[in-house]
């Protein structure tokens, strides 16, 4: 899918079906946000492949087991939120690069790296076959 849409310009913002609920993409356009006040998130049913088609962003990483729950996991939306810890790993994701996150990988996406240039991102959601 990403090879067929390397710059994502031909994709409309929103959900793009690939294989129903097993595999789909979320096309997003936004200005990167400051790290201050950003939240970590994690998912249980899907892995995230976060591909930056244009722009660049910083994605924070921390193991979910080390974080304090801020908003309990919502099974319907497949997301839980965590407070930003004092220490985490910042991951620079420039255009043409991707980062993969599994359920144990809390991540803080959409953060400003080194400019306010808008980000064009394609998040491919891959069902893991796990239920919770």
Protein backbone atom coordinates (compact mmCIF):
# COMPACT_ATOMS: atom_id res chain seq x y z
CA UNK A 1 0.00 0.00 0.00
CA UNK A 2 2.74 2.47 0.94
CA UNK A 3 4.73 1.53 -2.17
CA UNK A 4 1.64 2.35 -4.27
CA UNK A 5 1.17 5.72 -2.50
CA UNK A 6 4.70 6.89 -1.51
CA UNK A 7 3.81 10.57 -1.18
CA UNK A 8 0.15 10.01 -0.29
CA UNK A 9 -0.93 12.98 -2.41
CA UNK A 10 -3.50 10.86 -4.23
CA UNK A 11 -5.20 9.83 -0.96
CA UNK A 12 -7.99 11.83 0.66
CA UNK A 13 -7.72 12.60 4.36
CA UNK A 14 -9.50 10.06 6.56
CA UNK A 15 -9.88 6.29 6.55
CA UNK A 16 -8.82 4.31 3.48
CA UNK A 17 -9.97 0.68 3.27
CA UNK A 18 -7.35 -1.92 2.36
CA UNK A 19 -8.71 -5.20 3.82
CA UNK A 20 -11.67 -4.06 5.92
CA UNK A 21 -11.04 -3.96 9.66
CA UNK A 22 -7.99 -6.24 9.31
CA UNK A 23 -5.90 -3.64 7.47
CA UNK A 24 -6.70 0.01 6.80
CA UNK A 25 -4.99 3.38 6.63
CA UNK A 26 -5.67 6.72 8.27
CA UNK A 27 -4.50 9.63 6.14
CA UNK A 28 -3.71 12.71 8.22
CA UNK A 29 -2.57 16.30 7.60
CA UNK A 30 -1.67 18.58 10.50
CA UNK A 31 0.85 21.05 11.86
CA UNK A 32 3.18 19.37 14.37
CA UNK A 33 2.40 20.21 18.00
CA UNK A 34 4.70 21.12 20.88
CA UNK A 35 5.87 18.28 23.10
CA UNK A 36 4.61 20.12 26.18
CA UNK A 37 1.17 18.79 27.04
CA UNK A 38 1.29 15.93 24.50
CA UNK A 39 0.05 12.50 25.61
CA UNK A 40 1.30 9.00 25.04
CA UNK A 41 -1.14 6.51 23.54
CA UNK A 42 -1.23 2.76 22.99
CA UNK A 43 -3.48 0.29 21.18
CA UNK A 44 -4.25 -3.36 21.88
CA UNK A 45 -5.95 -4.70 18.74
CA UNK A 46 -3.81 -3.00 16.10
CA UNK A 47 -0.17 -2.31 15.40
CA UNK A 48 0.55 1.14 13.96
CA UNK A 49 2.83 1.67 10.98
CA UNK A 50 3.25 5.46 11.03
CA UNK A 51 4.64 6.65 7.69
CA UNK A 52 5.62 10.28 7.16
CA UNK A 53 4.92 11.15 3.51
CA UNK A 54 5.84 14.85 3.87
CA UNK A 55 7.22 17.00 6.66
CA UNK A 56 8.84 15.52 9.76
CA UNK A 57 7.86 14.84 13.33
CA UNK A 58 9.14 13.55 16.62
CA UNK A 59 7.38 10.54 18.10
CA UNK A 60 8.07 9.79 21.73
CA UNK A 61 8.41 6.12 22.74
CA UNK A 62 8.13 4.41 26.13
CA UNK A 63 7.09 0.89 27.18
CA UNK A 64 3.46 0.96 28.36
CA UNK A 65 4.41 -0.92 31.54
CA UNK A 66 6.49 2.06 32.69
CA UNK A 67 3.76 4.69 32.27
CA UNK A 68 0.93 6.03 34.41
CA UNK A 69 -2.54 5.60 32.87
CA UNK A 70 -4.18 8.95 32.26
CA UNK A 71 -7.31 7.78 30.40
CA UNK A 72 -8.33 4.12 30.69
CA UNK A 73 -8.26 1.94 27.59
CA UNK A 74 -11.38 2.34 25.42
CA UNK A 75 -11.99 -1.01 23.70
CA UNK A 76 -14.39 0.50 21.14
CA UNK A 77 -11.80 3.05 19.98
CA UNK A 78 -8.80 0.77 20.70
CA UNK A 79 -6.87 3.46 22.53
CA UNK A 80 -5.63 4.31 26.00
CA UNK A 81 -3.75 7.43 27.04
CA UNK A 82 -0.78 7.80 29.38
CA UNK A 83 0.84 10.72 31.18
CA UNK A 84 4.06 11.98 29.67
CA UNK A 85 6.94 10.62 31.77
CA UNK A 86 10.05 12.58 32.72
CA UNK A 87 12.13 10.25 30.51
CA UNK A 88 11.24 8.68 27.18
CA UNK A 89 12.95 7.99 23.86
CA UNK A 90 12.42 10.66 21.20
CA UNK A 91 12.31 9.21 17.68
CA UNK A 92 12.90 11.55 14.73
CA UNK A 93 10.75 10.51 11.76
CA UNK A 94 11.55 12.49 8.58
CA UNK A 95 9.67 12.29 5.28
CA UNK A 96 9.98 8.88 3.64
CA UNK A 97 10.47 7.10 6.99
CA UNK A 98 8.19 5.09 9.23
CA UNK A 99 7.93 3.86 12.80
CA UNK A 100 6.09 0.72 13.96
CA UNK A 101 4.33 0.45 17.32
CA UNK A 102 2.86 -2.69 18.94
CA UNK A 103 0.56 -2.84 22.00
CA UNK A 104 3.48 -2.71 24.45
CA UNK A 105 4.85 0.40 22.70
CA UNK A 106 3.30 3.61 23.98
CA UNK A 107 3.91 6.44 21.56
CA UNK A 108 3.44 10.20 21.52
CA UNK A 109 2.93 11.13 17.85
CA UNK A 110 2.50 14.41 15.98
CA UNK A 111 5.17 16.36 17.88
CA UNK A 112 7.32 19.12 16.43
CA UNK A 113 10.79 17.98 15.39
CA UNK A 114 12.60 21.03 14.02
CA UNK A 115 10.05 23.01 12.03
CA UNK A 116 6.38 23.90 11.87
CA UNK A 117 6.09 22.51 8.33
CA UNK A 118 2.78 20.63 7.99
CA UNK A 119 2.98 16.85 8.26
CA UNK A 120 1.31 14.49 5.80
CA UNK A 121 1.12 11.07 7.48
CA UNK A 122 -0.33 7.69 6.59
CA UNK A 123 -0.97 5.45 9.59
CA UNK A 124 -1.52 1.84 8.50
CA UNK A 125 -3.47 -0.07 11.16
CA UNK A 126 -2.67 -3.81 11.17
CA UNK A 127 -4.99 -6.11 13.14
CA UNK A 128 -3.10 -8.37 15.52
CA UNK A 129 -5.83 -10.90 16.19
CA UNK A 130 -5.80 -10.15 19.91
CA UNK A 131 -8.92 -9.47 21.94
CA UNK A 132 -9.24 -7.49 25.18
